[in-house]
Amino acid sequence: MGPRVQCWTLTGNGYNDAWAILGQRQGTGDPIGLDLEVVRASTLDNPYLDAGTRGRSARQFGGTDREVQALRGGVVAAQG
């Protein structure tokens, strides 16, 4: 059996499975468990996005409580 690979992309939308598993490192009992490598990348440094897309994301999320996750590769939970 080959490697098990998943690619999760995160948005600035707060609580979800990615937040619980990757951000809080909470296992669910699934065999894949916490044996995960977490690679974080910044939307603002993504060479595959054009400048207009990066700018729109920066305007939408910059200065908000979702900036860390939506732009900088962090994992946060929505408030409210």
N, C-alpha and C. Protein backbone atom coordinates (compact mmCIF):
# COMPACT_ATOMS: atom_id res chain seq x y z
N MET A 1 0.86 -1.16 0.00
CA MET A 1 0.00 0.00 0.00
C MET A 1 0.91 1.23 0.00
N GLY A 2 0.64 2.16 -0.89
CA GLY A 2 1.44 3.38 -1.01
C GLY A 2 1.12 4.40 0.05
N PRO A 3 1.76 5.54 -0.02
CA PRO A 3 1.51 6.59 0.97
C PRO A 3 0.10 7.14 0.85
N ARG A 4 -0.41 7.55 1.96
CA ARG A 4 -1.73 8.20 1.98
C ARG A 4 -1.48 9.70 1.96
N VAL A 5 -1.98 10.34 0.96
CA VAL A 5 -1.73 11.77 0.80
C VAL A 5 -3.04 12.52 0.74
N GLN A 6 -3.12 13.58 1.50
CA GLN A 6 -4.25 14.50 1.44
C GLN A 6 -3.70 15.90 1.32
N CYS A 7 -4.38 16.73 0.61
CA CYS A 7 -4.02 18.14 0.53
C CYS A 7 -5.24 18.94 0.97
N TRP A 8 -5.10 19.65 2.06
CA TRP A 8 -6.19 20.47 2.56
C TRP A 8 -5.83 21.93 2.32
N THR A 9 -6.74 22.68 1.79
CA THR A 9 -6.54 24.12 1.69
C THR A 9 -7.52 24.78 2.64
N LEU A 10 -7.09 25.82 3.27
CA LEU A 10 -7.89 26.47 4.29
C LEU A 10 -8.39 27.82 3.79
N THR A 11 -9.53 28.22 4.30
CA THR A 11 -10.06 29.54 4.01
C THR A 11 -10.14 30.30 5.32
N GLY A 12 -10.61 31.50 5.29
CA GLY A 12 -10.77 32.27 6.51
C GLY A 12 -12.10 32.03 7.19
N ASN A 13 -12.69 30.85 7.02
CA ASN A 13 -14.04 30.61 7.51
C ASN A 13 -14.11 29.91 8.86
N GLY A 14 -13.03 29.86 9.60
CA GLY A 14 -13.10 29.45 11.00
C GLY A 14 -13.25 27.97 11.28
N TYR A 15 -14.11 27.65 12.28
CA TYR A 15 -14.24 26.28 12.77
C TYR A 15 -14.58 25.30 11.66
N ASN A 16 -13.82 24.26 11.54
CA ASN A 16 -14.08 23.18 10.59
C ASN A 16 -13.13 22.03 10.95
N ASP A 17 -13.17 20.95 10.20
CA ASP A 17 -12.30 19.81 10.49
C ASP A 17 -10.83 20.19 10.45
N ALA A 18 -10.46 21.02 9.50
CA ALA A 18 -9.06 21.42 9.40
C ALA A 18 -8.61 22.15 10.67
N TRP A 19 -9.46 23.01 11.22
CA TRP A 19 -9.11 23.74 12.44
C TRP A 19 -8.90 22.76 13.60
N ALA A 20 -9.80 21.80 13.75
CA ALA A 20 -9.70 20.85 14.86
C ALA A 20 -8.49 19.93 14.72
N ILE A 21 -8.28 19.41 13.53
CA ILE A 21 -7.23 18.41 13.34
C ILE A 21 -5.86 19.05 13.16
N LEU A 22 -5.76 20.04 12.29
CA LEU A 22 -4.45 20.64 12.00
C LEU A 22 -4.08 21.73 12.99
N GLY A 23 -5.03 22.57 13.35
CA GLY A 23 -4.75 23.68 14.24
C GLY A 23 -4.68 23.28 15.70
N GLN A 24 -5.64 22.48 16.15
CA GLN A 24 -5.71 22.09 17.55
C GLN A 24 -5.11 20.72 17.82
N ARG A 25 -4.76 19.99 16.75
CA ARG A 25 -4.15 18.65 16.84
C ARG A 25 -5.04 17.70 17.64
N GLN A 26 -6.35 17.74 17.38
CA GLN A 26 -7.30 16.86 18.06
C GLN A 26 -7.58 15.65 17.18
N GLY A 27 -7.31 14.49 17.70
CA GLY A 27 -7.57 13.27 16.95
C GLY A 27 -9.05 12.93 16.96
N THR A 28 -9.47 12.17 15.96
CA THR A 28 -10.88 11.77 15.86
C THR A 28 -11.03 10.27 16.02
N GLY A 29 -9.93 9.55 16.23
CA GLY A 29 -9.97 8.11 16.30
C GLY A 29 -9.73 7.45 14.96
N ASP A 30 -9.70 8.23 13.90
CA ASP A 30 -9.41 7.71 12.56
C ASP A 30 -7.96 7.22 12.53
N PRO A 31 -7.69 6.10 11.83
CA PRO A 31 -6.32 5.56 11.80
C PRO A 31 -5.26 6.56 11.35
N ILE A 32 -5.64 7.53 10.50
CA ILE A 32 -4.63 8.50 10.07
C ILE A 32 -4.22 9.39 11.25
N GLY A 33 -5.13 9.54 12.19
CA GLY A 33 -4.84 10.24 13.44
C GLY A 33 -4.10 11.54 13.27
N LEU A 34 -3.09 11.72 14.11
CA LEU A 34 -2.31 12.96 14.09
C LEU A 34 -0.98 12.78 13.38
N ASP A 35 -0.82 11.70 12.67
CA ASP A 35 0.41 11.44 11.94
C ASP A 35 0.39 12.22 10.63
N LEU A 36 0.36 13.53 10.76
CA LEU A 36 0.24 14.41 9.61
C LEU A 36 1.39 15.40 9.60
N GLU A 37 1.88 15.69 8.43
CA GLU A 37 2.85 16.77 8.27
C GLU A 37 2.06 18.00 7.84
N VAL A 38 2.20 19.07 8.58
CA VAL A 38 1.49 20.30 8.26
C VAL A 38 2.47 21.25 7.59
N VAL A 39 2.15 21.64 6.38
CA VAL A 39 2.96 22.59 5.62
C VAL A 39 2.12 23.85 5.47
N ARG A 40 2.66 24.97 5.93
CA ARG A 40 1.91 26.22 5.85
C ARG A 40 2.53 27.12 4.79
N ALA A 41 1.67 27.80 4.08
CA ALA A 41 2.12 28.71 3.03
C ALA A 41 1.25 29.96 3.04
N SER A 42 1.81 31.04 2.59
CA SER A 42 1.10 32.30 2.55
C SER A 42 0.43 32.51 1.20
N THR A 43 -0.83 32.90 1.23
CA THR A 43 -1.52 33.27 0.00
C THR A 43 -0.79 34.41 -0.69
N LEU A 44 -0.26 35.33 0.09
CA LEU A 44 0.39 36.50 -0.48
C LEU A 44 1.69 36.15 -1.20
N ASP A 45 2.29 35.01 -0.87
CA ASP A 45 3.53 34.58 -1.51
C ASP A 45 3.31 33.49 -2.56
N ASN A 46 2.07 33.18 -2.88
CA ASN A 46 1.77 32.10 -3.82
C ASN A 46 2.11 32.53 -5.25
N PRO A 47 3.12 31.90 -5.86
CA PRO A 47 3.53 32.32 -7.20
C PRO A 47 2.51 31.98 -8.29
N TYR A 48 1.53 31.16 -7.97
CA TYR A 48 0.53 30.77 -8.96
C TYR A 48 -0.67 31.70 -8.99
N LEU A 49 -0.74 32.64 -8.06
CA LEU A 49 -1.81 33.63 -8.06
C LEU A 49 -1.30 34.92 -8.69
N ASP A 50 -2.13 35.54 -9.51
CA ASP A 50 -1.71 36.81 -10.11
C ASP A 50 -1.83 37.92 -9.07
N ALA A 51 -1.23 39.05 -9.36
CA ALA A 51 -1.19 40.17 -8.41
C ALA A 51 -2.60 40.65 -8.06
N GLY A 52 -3.52 40.62 -9.03
CA GLY A 52 -4.89 41.05 -8.75
C GLY A 52 -5.59 40.17 -7.74
N THR A 53 -5.40 38.86 -7.85
CA THR A 53 -6.01 37.92 -6.91
C THR A 53 -5.41 38.10 -5.53
N ARG A 54 -4.10 38.23 -5.45
CA ARG A 54 -3.45 38.46 -4.14
C ARG A 54 -3.95 39.77 -3.52
N GLY A 55 -4.08 40.81 -4.35
CA GLY A 55 -4.56 42.09 -3.85
C GLY A 55 -5.99 42.02 -3.33
N ARG A 56 -6.86 41.32 -4.06
CA ARG A 56 -8.25 41.17 -3.59
C ARG A 56 -8.30 40.43 -2.26
N SER A 57 -7.50 39.38 -2.13
CA SER A 57 -7.47 38.63 -0.87
C SER A 57 -6.96 39.51 0.26
N ALA A 58 -5.93 40.29 -0.02
CA ALA A 58 -5.37 41.18 1.00
C ALA A 58 -6.40 42.22 1.43
N ARG A 59 -7.14 42.77 0.48
CA ARG A 59 -8.17 43.76 0.83
C ARG A 59 -9.32 43.13 1.60
N GLN A 60 -9.69 41.91 1.23
CA GLN A 60 -10.82 41.25 1.89
C GLN A 60 -10.48 40.83 3.31
N PHE A 61 -9.30 40.28 3.53
CA PHE A 61 -8.98 39.70 4.84
C PHE A 61 -7.97 40.50 5.66
N GLY A 62 -7.22 41.41 5.04
CA GLY A 62 -6.22 42.18 5.77
C GLY A 62 -6.86 43.01 6.87
N GLY A 63 -6.26 42.99 8.04
CA GLY A 63 -6.77 43.76 9.17
C GLY A 63 -7.98 43.17 9.84
N THR A 64 -8.38 41.95 9.44
CA THR A 64 -9.53 41.30 10.08
C THR A 64 -9.03 40.18 10.99
N ASP A 65 -9.95 39.60 11.77
CA ASP A 65 -9.57 38.50 12.64
C ASP A 65 -9.29 37.22 11.86
N ARG A 66 -9.55 37.22 10.57
CA ARG A 66 -9.29 36.04 9.74
C ARG A 66 -8.02 36.18 8.90
N GLU A 67 -7.29 37.27 9.07
CA GLU A 67 -6.09 37.52 8.26
C GLU A 67 -5.05 36.42 8.40
N VAL A 68 -4.79 35.98 9.62
CA VAL A 68 -3.75 34.97 9.85
C VAL A 68 -4.02 33.70 9.05
N GLN A 69 -5.26 33.26 9.03
CA GLN A 69 -5.58 32.03 8.31
C GLN A 69 -5.73 32.26 6.81
N ALA A 70 -6.45 33.28 6.43
CA ALA A 70 -6.75 33.48 5.02
C ALA A 70 -5.54 33.93 4.22
N LEU A 71 -4.63 34.65 4.83
CA LEU A 71 -3.49 35.19 4.08
C LEU A 71 -2.15 34.58 4.45
N ARG A 72 -1.97 34.15 5.69
CA ARG A 72 -0.63 33.81 6.17
C ARG A 72 -0.42 32.35 6.56
N GLY A 73 -1.37 31.49 6.26
CA GLY A 73 -1.18 30.06 6.50
C GLY A 73 -1.41 29.61 7.92
N GLY A 74 -1.95 30.47 8.76
CA GLY A 74 -2.25 30.08 10.13
C GLY A 74 -3.59 29.37 10.20
N VAL A 75 -3.90 28.83 11.36
CA VAL A 75 -5.18 28.17 11.59
C VAL A 75 -5.84 28.87 12.76
N VAL A 76 -7.00 29.45 12.53
CA VAL A 76 -7.72 30.18 13.57
C VAL A 76 -9.17 29.74 13.59
N ALA A 77 -9.88 30.14 14.62
CA ALA A 77 -11.31 29.84 14.73
C ALA A 77 -12.10 31.13 14.66
N ALA A 78 -13.21 31.09 13.96
CA ALA A 78 -14.07 32.26 13.85
C ALA A 78 -14.67 32.60 15.20
N GLN A 79 -14.93 33.84 15.42
CA GLN A 79 -15.57 34.31 16.64
C GLN A 79 -17.01 34.68 16.32
N GLY A 80 -17.90 34.43 17.28
CA GLY A 80 -19.28 34.88 17.12
C GLY A 80 -20.17 33.95 16.38
